[in-house]
PDB file of all heavy atoms in Angstrom:
ATOM      1  N   ALA A   1     101.739 112.975  79.141  1.00  0.00           N
ATOM      2  CA  ALA A   1     101.954 112.663  80.532  1.00  0.00           C
ATOM      3  C   ALA A   1     102.339 113.956  81.297  1.00  0.00           C
ATOM      4  O   ALA A   1     101.793 114.184  82.480  1.00  0.00           O
ATOM      5  CB  ALA A   1     103.007 111.722  80.754  1.00  0.00           C
ATOM      6  N   PHE A   2     103.214 114.826  80.790  1.00  0.00           N
ATOM      7  CA  PHE A   2     103.571 115.996  81.455  1.00  0.00           C
ATOM      8  C   PHE A   2     102.404 117.052  81.515  1.00  0.00           C
ATOM      9  O   PHE A   2     102.160 117.658  82.511  1.00  0.00           O
ATOM     10  CB  PHE A   2     104.775 116.676  80.691  1.00  0.00           C
ATOM     11  CG  PHE A   2     105.202 118.080  81.339  1.00  0.00           C
ATOM     12  CD1 PHE A   2     105.932 117.864  82.406  1.00  0.00           C
ATOM     13  CD2 PHE A   2     104.875 119.145  80.747  1.00  0.00           C
ATOM     14  CE1 PHE A   2     106.379 119.255  83.053  1.00  0.00           C
ATOM     15  CE2 PHE A   2     105.287 120.518  81.310  1.00  0.00           C
ATOM     16  CZ  PHE A   2     106.093 120.286  82.439  1.00  0.00           C
ATOM     17  N   ASP A   3     101.700 117.136  80.482  1.00  0.00           N
ATOM     18  CA  ASP A   3     100.494 118.091  80.427  1.00  0.00           C
ATOM     19  C   ASP A   3      99.401 117.586  81.517  1.00  0.00           C
ATOM     20  O   ASP A   3      98.942 118.518  82.286  1.00  0.00           O
ATOM     21  CB  ASP A   3      99.927 118.095  79.018  1.00  0.00           C
ATOM     22  CG  ASP A   3      99.004 119.264  78.761  1.00  0.00           C
ATOM     23  OD1 ASP A   3      99.198 120.275  79.468  1.00  0.00           O
ATOM     24  OD2 ASP A   3      98.047 119.160  77.996  1.00  0.00           O
ATOM     25  N   ALA A   4      99.132 116.282  81.445  1.00  0.00           N
ATOM     26  CA  ALA A   4      98.149 115.754  82.505  1.00  0.00           C
ATOM     27  C   ALA A   4      98.632 115.843  83.857  1.00  0.00           C
ATOM     28  O   ALA A   4      97.869 116.319  84.861  1.00  0.00           O
ATOM     29  CB  ALA A   4      97.894 114.339  82.145  1.00  0.00           C
ATOM     30  N   THR A   5      99.920 115.753  84.061  1.00  0.00           N
ATOM     31  CA  THR A   5     100.485 115.930  85.367  1.00  0.00           C
ATOM     32  C   THR A   5     100.393 117.203  85.955  1.00  0.00           C
ATOM     33  O   THR A   5     100.193 117.461  87.225  1.00  0.00           O
ATOM     34  CB  THR A   5     101.994 115.294  85.503  1.00  0.00           C
ATOM     35  OG1 THR A   5     101.973 113.866  85.094  1.00  0.00           O
ATOM     36  CG2 THR A   5     102.555 115.318  86.807  1.00  0.00           C
ATOM     37  N   THR A   6     100.798 118.245  85.129  1.00  0.00           N
ATOM     38  CA  THR A   6     100.786 119.593  85.650  1.00  0.00           C
ATOM     39  C   THR A   6      99.419 120.103  85.863  1.00  0.00           C
ATOM     40  O   THR A   6      99.114 120.855  86.799  1.00  0.00           O
ATOM     41  CB  THR A   6     101.522 120.474  84.618  1.00  0.00           C
ATOM     42  OG1 THR A   6     100.914 120.280  83.263  1.00  0.00           O
ATOM     43  CG2 THR A   6     102.987 120.233  84.529  1.00  0.00           C
ATOM     44  N   ALA A   7      98.428 119.573  85.044  1.00  0.00           N
ATOM     45  CA  ALA A   7      97.088 120.027  85.314  1.00  0.00           C
ATOM     46  C   ALA A   7      96.601 119.451  86.591  1.00  0.00           C
ATOM     47  O   ALA A   7      95.811 120.071  87.452  1.00  0.00           O
ATOM     48  CB  ALA A   7      96.132 119.497  84.193  1.00  0.00           C
ATOM     49  N   GLU A   8      96.876 118.142  86.883  1.00  0.00           N
ATOM     50  CA  GLU A   8      96.523 117.618  88.252  1.00  0.00           C
ATOM     51  C   GLU A   8      97.215 118.217  89.295  1.00  0.00           C
ATOM     52  O   GLU A   8      96.613 118.522  90.442  1.00  0.00           O
ATOM     53  CB  GLU A   8      96.851 116.124  88.204  1.00  0.00           C
ATOM     54  CG  GLU A   8      96.561 115.403  89.488  1.00  0.00           C
ATOM     55  CD  GLU A   8      97.720 115.403  90.592  1.00  0.00           C
ATOM     56  OE1 GLU A   8      98.904 115.637  90.249  1.00  0.00           O
ATOM     57  OE2 GLU A   8      97.478 115.451  91.750  1.00  0.00           O
ATOM     58  N   TRP A   9      98.484 118.680  89.177  1.00  0.00           N
ATOM     59  CA  TRP A   9      99.287 119.373  90.184  1.00  0.00           C
ATOM     60  C   TRP A   9      98.536 120.720  90.534  1.00  0.00           C
ATOM     61  O   TRP A   9      98.473 121.165  91.696  1.00  0.00           O
ATOM     62  CB  TRP A   9     100.600 119.535  89.657  1.00  0.00           C
ATOM     63  CG  TRP A   9     101.544 120.062  90.678  1.00  0.00           C
ATOM     64  CD1 TRP A   9     101.595 119.962  92.007  1.00  0.00           C
ATOM     65  CD2 TRP A   9     102.966 120.784  90.416  1.00  0.00           C
ATOM     66  NE1 TRP A   9     102.620 120.524  92.679  1.00  0.00           N
ATOM     67  CE2 TRP A   9     103.447 121.014  91.693  1.00  0.00           C
ATOM     68  CE3 TRP A   9     103.474 121.163  89.199  1.00  0.00           C
ATOM     69  CZ2 TRP A   9     104.639 121.696  91.854  1.00  0.00           C
ATOM     70  CZ3 TRP A   9     104.776 121.832  89.361  1.00  0.00           C
ATOM     71  CH2 TRP A   9     105.332 122.128  90.636  1.00  0.00           C
ATOM     72  N   GLU A  10      98.178 121.511  89.476  1.00  0.00           N
ATOM     73  CA  GLU A  10      97.488 122.659  89.813  1.00  0.00           C
ATOM     74  C   GLU A  10      96.264 122.534  90.627  1.00  0.00           C
ATOM     75  O   GLU A  10      96.013 123.303  91.597  1.00  0.00           O
ATOM     76  CB  GLU A  10      97.157 123.378  88.424  1.00  0.00           C
ATOM     77  CG  GLU A  10      96.518 124.754  88.640  1.00  0.00           C
ATOM     78  CD  GLU A  10      96.156 125.381  87.124  1.00  0.00           C
ATOM     79  OE1 GLU A  10      97.074 125.413  86.284  1.00  0.00           O
ATOM     80  OE2 GLU A  10      95.044 125.789  87.127  1.00  0.00           O
ATOM     81  N   ARG A  11      95.437 121.567  90.239  1.00  0.00           N
ATOM     82  CA  ARG A  11      94.282 121.280  90.976  1.00  0.00           C
ATOM     83  C   ARG A  11      94.469 120.951  92.412  1.00  0.00           C
ATOM     84  O   ARG A  11      93.890 121.393  93.397  1.00  0.00           O
ATOM     85  CB  ARG A  11      93.420 120.189  90.314  1.00  0.00           C
ATOM     86  CG  ARG A  11      92.849 120.652  89.029  1.00  0.00           C
ATOM     87  CD  ARG A  11      91.826 119.656  88.517  1.00  0.00           C
ATOM     88  NE  ARG A  11      92.349 118.346  88.215  1.00  0.00           N
ATOM     89  CZ  ARG A  11      92.922 117.945  86.999  1.00  0.00           C
ATOM     90  NH1 ARG A  11      92.915 118.907  86.003  1.00  0.00           N
ATOM     91  NH2 ARG A  11      93.432 116.777  86.887  1.00  0.00           N
ATOM     92  N   SER A  12      95.557 120.104  92.679  1.00  0.00           N
ATOM     93  CA  SER A  12      95.937 119.599  93.933  1.00  0.00           C
ATOM     94  C   SER A  12      96.423 120.805  94.830  1.00  0.00           C
ATOM     95  O   SER A  12      96.029 120.855  95.982  1.00  0.00           O
ATOM     96  CB  SER A  12      97.027 118.561  93.899  1.00  0.00           C
ATOM     97  OG  SER A  12      96.445 117.384  93.261  1.00  0.00           O
ATOM     98  N   LEU A  13      97.091 121.714  94.117  1.00  0.00           N
ATOM     99  CA  LEU A  13      97.650 122.849  94.901  1.00  0.00           C
ATOM    100  C   LEU A  13      96.509 123.714  95.373  1.00  0.00           C
ATOM    101  O   LEU A  13      96.521 124.254  96.570  1.00  0.00           O
ATOM    102  CB  LEU A  13      98.565 123.612  94.083  1.00  0.00           C
ATOM    103  CG  LEU A  13     100.075 123.189  93.938  1.00  0.00           C
ATOM    104  CD1 LEU A  13     100.822 123.898  93.027  1.00  0.00           C
ATOM    105  CD2 LEU A  13     100.763 123.331  95.339  1.00  0.00           C
ATOM    106  N   ILE A  14      95.452 123.957  94.532  1.00  0.00           N
ATOM    107  CA  ILE A  14      94.412 124.734  94.944  1.00  0.00           C
ATOM    108  C   ILE A  14      93.592 124.257  96.083  1.00  0.00           C
ATOM    109  O   ILE A  14      93.230 124.916  97.060  1.00  0.00           O
ATOM    110  CB  ILE A  14      93.447 125.075  93.659  1.00  0.00           C
ATOM    111  CG1 ILE A  14      94.104 125.883  92.573  1.00  0.00           C
ATOM    112  CG2 ILE A  14      92.193 125.718  94.206  1.00  0.00           C
ATOM    113  CD1 ILE A  14      93.458 126.110  91.334  1.00  0.00           C
ATOM    114  N   ARG A  15      93.312 122.911  95.910  1.00  0.00           N
ATOM    115  CA  ARG A  15      92.658 122.259  97.120  1.00  0.00           C
ATOM    116  C   ARG A  15      93.472 122.353  98.389  1.00  0.00           C
ATOM    117  O   ARG A  15      92.839 122.647  99.467  1.00  0.00           O
ATOM    118  CB  ARG A  15      92.416 120.847  96.780  1.00  0.00           C
ATOM    119  CG  ARG A  15      91.299 120.497  95.627  1.00  0.00           C
ATOM    120  CD  ARG A  15      90.870 119.093  95.649  1.00  0.00           C
ATOM    121  NE  ARG A  15      91.993 118.184  95.252  1.00  0.00           N
ATOM    122  CZ  ARG A  15      92.286 117.824  93.990  1.00  0.00           C
ATOM    123  NH1 ARG A  15      91.552 118.296  93.090  1.00  0.00           N
ATOM    124  NH2 ARG A  15      93.245 117.038  93.845  1.00  0.00           N
ATOM    125  N   TRP A  16      94.690 122.026  98.347  1.00  0.00           N
ATOM    126  CA  TRP A  16      95.511 122.189  99.613  1.00  0.00           C
ATOM    127  C   TRP A  16      95.647 123.581 100.191  1.00  0.00           C
ATOM    128  O   TRP A  16      95.424 123.754 101.332  1.00  0.00           O
ATOM    129  CB  TRP A  16      96.924 121.564  99.186  1.00  0.00           C
ATOM    130  CG  TRP A  16      97.858 121.794 100.345  1.00  0.00           C
ATOM    131  CD1 TRP A  16      97.937 121.003 101.409  1.00  0.00           C
ATOM    132  CD2 TRP A  16      98.867 122.747 100.469  1.00  0.00           C
ATOM    133  NE1 TRP A  16      99.017 121.479 102.301  1.00  0.00           N
ATOM    134  CE2 TRP A  16      99.624 122.532 101.732  1.00  0.00           C
ATOM    135  CE3 TRP A  16      99.355 123.786  99.719  1.00  0.00           C
ATOM    136  CZ2 TRP A  16     100.740 123.251 102.038  1.00  0.00           C
ATOM    137  CZ3 TRP A  16     100.421 124.616 100.107  1.00  0.00           C
ATOM    138  CH2 TRP A  16     100.978 124.378 101.313  1.00  0.00           C
ATOM    139  N   ARG A  17      95.751 124.464  99.286  1.00  0.00           N
ATOM    140  CA  ARG A  17      95.996 125.897  99.741  1.00  0.00           C
ATOM    141  C   ARG A  17      94.749 126.419 100.376  1.00  0.00           C
ATOM    142  O   ARG A  17      94.697 127.087 101.337  1.00  0.00           O
ATOM    143  CB  ARG A  17      96.438 126.852  98.451  1.00  0.00           C
ATOM    144  CG  ARG A  17      97.758 126.663  98.120  1.00  0.00           C
ATOM    145  CD  ARG A  17      98.222 127.171  96.774  1.00  0.00           C
ATOM    146  NE  ARG A  17      97.549 128.381  96.426  1.00  0.00           N
ATOM    147  CZ  ARG A  17      98.348 129.446  95.795  1.00  0.00           C
ATOM    148  NH1 ARG A  17      99.682 129.380  95.746  1.00  0.00           N
ATOM    149  NH2 ARG A  17      97.727 130.574  95.434  1.00  0.00           N
ATOM    150  N   CYS A  18      93.585 126.090  99.625  1.00  0.00           N
ATOM    151  CA  CYS A  18      92.336 126.531 100.105  1.00  0.00           C
ATOM    152  C   CYS A  18      91.818 125.853 101.404  1.00  0.00           C
ATOM    153  O   CYS A  18      90.947 126.274 102.135  1.00  0.00           O
ATOM    154  CB  CYS A  18      91.249 126.457  99.110  1.00  0.00           C
ATOM    155  SG  CYS A  18      91.521 127.625  97.714  1.00  0.00           S
ATOM    156  N   GLY A  19      92.482 124.751 101.749  1.00  0.00           N
ATOM    157  CA  GLY A  19      92.157 123.905 102.847  1.00  0.00           C
ATOM    158  C   GLY A  19      92.950 124.275 104.127  1.00  0.00           C
ATOM    159  O   GLY A  19      92.834 123.636 105.169  1.00  0.00           O
ATOM    160  N   LEU A  20      93.918 125.183 103.962  1.00  0.00           N
ATOM    161  CA  LEU A  20      94.886 125.525 105.058  1.00  0.00           C
ATOM    162  C   LEU A  20      94.061 126.265 106.195  1.00  0.00           C
ATOM    163  O   LEU A  20      93.196 127.159 105.854  1.00  0.00           O
ATOM    164  CB  LEU A  20      95.887 126.431 104.565  1.00  0.00           C
ATOM    165  CG  LEU A  20      97.035 125.668 103.694  1.00  0.00           C
ATOM    166  CD1 LEU A  20      98.002 126.687 103.239  1.00  0.00           C
ATOM    167  CD2 LEU A  20      97.689 124.612 104.429  1.00  0.00           C
ATOM    168  N   SER A  21      94.313 125.954 107.458  1.00  0.00           N
ATOM    169  CA  SER A  21      93.756 126.678 108.519  1.00  0.00           C
ATOM    170  C   SER A  21      94.407 127.983 108.675  1.00  0.00           C
ATOM    171  O   SER A  21      95.357 128.384 108.127  1.00  0.00           O
ATOM    172  CB  SER A  21      93.795 125.922 109.842  1.00  0.00           C
ATOM    173  OG  SER A  21      95.211 125.699 110.176  1.00  0.00           O
ATOM    174  N   ALA A  22      93.836 128.927 109.481  1.00  0.00           N
ATOM    175  CA  ALA A  22      94.338 130.178 109.780  1.00  0.00           C
ATOM    176  C   ALA A  22      95.865 130.049 110.470  1.00  0.00           C
ATOM    177  O   ALA A  22      96.732 130.743 110.066  1.00  0.00           O
ATOM    178  CB  ALA A  22      93.559 130.995 110.639  1.00  0.00           C
ATOM    179  N   ASP A  23      95.953 129.097 111.262  1.00  0.00           N
ATOM    180  CA  ASP A  23      97.203 128.815 111.925  1.00  0.00           C
ATOM    181  C   ASP A  23      98.242 128.441 110.960  1.00  0.00           C
ATOM    182  O   ASP A  23      99.444 128.867 111.002  1.00  0.00           O
ATOM    183  CB  ASP A  23      97.154 127.844 113.118  1.00  0.00           C
ATOM    184  CG  ASP A  23      96.388 128.348 114.370  1.00  0.00           C
ATOM    185  OD1 ASP A  23      96.201 129.567 114.348  1.00  0.00           O
ATOM    186  OD2 ASP A  23      95.902 127.613 115.199  1.00  0.00           O
ATOM    187  N   GLN A  24      97.932 127.492 110.012  1.00  0.00           N
ATOM    188  CA  GLN A  24      98.789 127.038 109.029  1.00  0.00           C
ATOM    189  C   GLN A  24      99.296 128.083 108.056  1.00  0.00           C
ATOM    190  O   GLN A  24     100.388 128.185 107.696  1.00  0.00           O
ATOM    191  CB  GLN A  24      98.166 125.867 108.280  1.00  0.00           C
ATOM    192  CG  GLN A  24      97.987 124.544 109.086  1.00  0.00           C
ATOM    193  CD  GLN A  24      97.034 123.519 108.266  1.00  0.00           C
ATOM    194  OE1 GLN A  24      96.020 123.988 107.763  1.00  0.00           O
ATOM    195  NE2 GLN A  24      97.675 122.187 108.407  1.00  0.00           N
ATOM    196  N   ARG A  25      98.260 128.930 107.656  1.00  0.00           N
ATOM    197  CA  ARG A  25      98.675 130.023 106.874  1.00  0.00           C
ATOM    198  C   ARG A  25      99.709 130.956 107.438  1.00  0.00           C
ATOM    199  O   ARG A  25     100.542 131.543 106.976  1.00  0.00           O
ATOM    200  CB  ARG A  25      97.450 130.867 106.508  1.00  0.00           C
ATOM    201  CG  ARG A  25      96.499 130.009 105.458  1.00  0.00           C
ATOM    202  CD  ARG A  25      95.570 130.908 104.764  1.00  0.00           C
ATOM    203  NE  ARG A  25      94.524 131.670 105.640  1.00  0.00           N
ATOM    204  CZ  ARG A  25      93.431 131.122 106.127  1.00  0.00           C
ATOM    205  NH1 ARG A  25      92.987 129.949 105.676  1.00  0.00           N
ATOM    206  NH2 ARG A  25      92.689 131.805 106.869  1.00  0.00           N
ATOM    207  N   GLN A  26      99.342 131.239 108.827  1.00  0.00           N
ATOM    208  CA  GLN A  26     100.299 132.062 109.557  1.00  0.00           C
ATOM    209  C   GLN A  26     101.704 131.561 109.650  1.00  0.00           C
ATOM    210  O   GLN A  26     102.704 132.242 109.492  1.00  0.00           O
ATOM    211  CB  GLN A  26      99.831 132.424 110.899  1.00  0.00           C
ATOM    212  CG  GLN A  26     100.632 133.393 111.724  1.00  0.00           C
ATOM    213  CD  GLN A  26      99.975 133.680 113.103  1.00  0.00           C
ATOM    214  OE1 GLN A  26      99.021 132.991 113.506  1.00  0.00           O
ATOM    215  NE2 GLN A  26     100.403 134.683 113.732  1.00  0.00           N
ATOM    216  N   ARG A  27     101.789 130.238 109.922  1.00  0.00           N
ATOM    217  CA  ARG A  27     103.184 129.532 109.918  1.00  0.00           C
ATOM    218  C   ARG A  27     103.849 129.598 108.638  1.00  0.00           C
ATOM    219  O   ARG A  27     105.085 129.657 108.660  1.00  0.00           O
ATOM    220  CB  ARG A  27     102.875 128.163 110.482  1.00  0.00           C
ATOM    221  CG  ARG A  27     102.565 127.944 111.993  1.00  0.00           C
ATOM    222  CD  ARG A  27     102.836 126.473 112.476  1.00  0.00           C
ATOM    223  NE  ARG A  27     102.165 125.574 111.699  1.00  0.00           N
ATOM    224  CZ  ARG A  27     100.838 125.159 112.151  1.00  0.00           C
ATOM    225  NH1 ARG A  27     100.396 125.699 113.276  1.00  0.00           N
ATOM    226  NH2 ARG A  27     100.195 124.251 111.497  1.00  0.00           N
ATOM    227  N   LEU A  28     103.094 129.493 107.596  1.00  0.00           N
ATOM    228  CA  LEU A  28     103.697 129.525 106.253  1.00  0.00           C
ATOM    229  C   LEU A  28     104.060 130.940 105.703  1.00  0.00           C
ATOM    230  O   LEU A  28     104.590 131.088 104.597  1.00  0.00           O
ATOM    231  CB  LEU A  28     102.821 128.697 105.288  1.00  0.00           C
ATOM    232  CG  LEU A  28     102.756 127.267 105.502  1.00  0.00           C
ATOM    233  CD1 LEU A  28     101.694 126.599 104.557  1.00  0.00           C
ATOM    234  CD2 LEU A  28     104.044 126.595 105.457  1.00  0.00           C
ATOM    235  N   GLY A  29     103.664 131.822 106.516  1.00  0.00           N
ATOM    236  CA  GLY A  29     103.930 133.251 105.986  1.00  0.00           C
ATOM    237  C   GLY A  29     103.027 133.884 105.052  1.00  0.00           C
ATOM    238  O   GLY A  29     103.497 134.786 104.310  1.00  0.00           O
ATOM    239  N   VAL A  30     101.803 133.385 105.028  1.00  0.00           N
ATOM    240  CA  VAL A  30     100.768 133.827 104.072  1.00  0.00           C
ATOM    241  C   VAL A  30     100.530 135.301 104.371  1.00  0.00           C
ATOM    242  O   VAL A  30     100.118 135.641 105.511  1.00  0.00           O
ATOM    243  CB  VAL A  30      99.622 132.983 104.034  1.00  0.00           C
ATOM    244  CG1 VAL A  30      98.485 133.635 103.104  1.00  0.00           C
ATOM    245  CG2 VAL A  30      99.969 131.671 103.438  1.00  0.00           C
TER     246      VAL A  30
END
């Protein structure tokens, strides 16, 4: 369960990070 959950978490993070707009990235200090 932990291994599957962390794999899903990594994929979700990549999708979310790559979907951020320029304004969102700026607000988050990227």
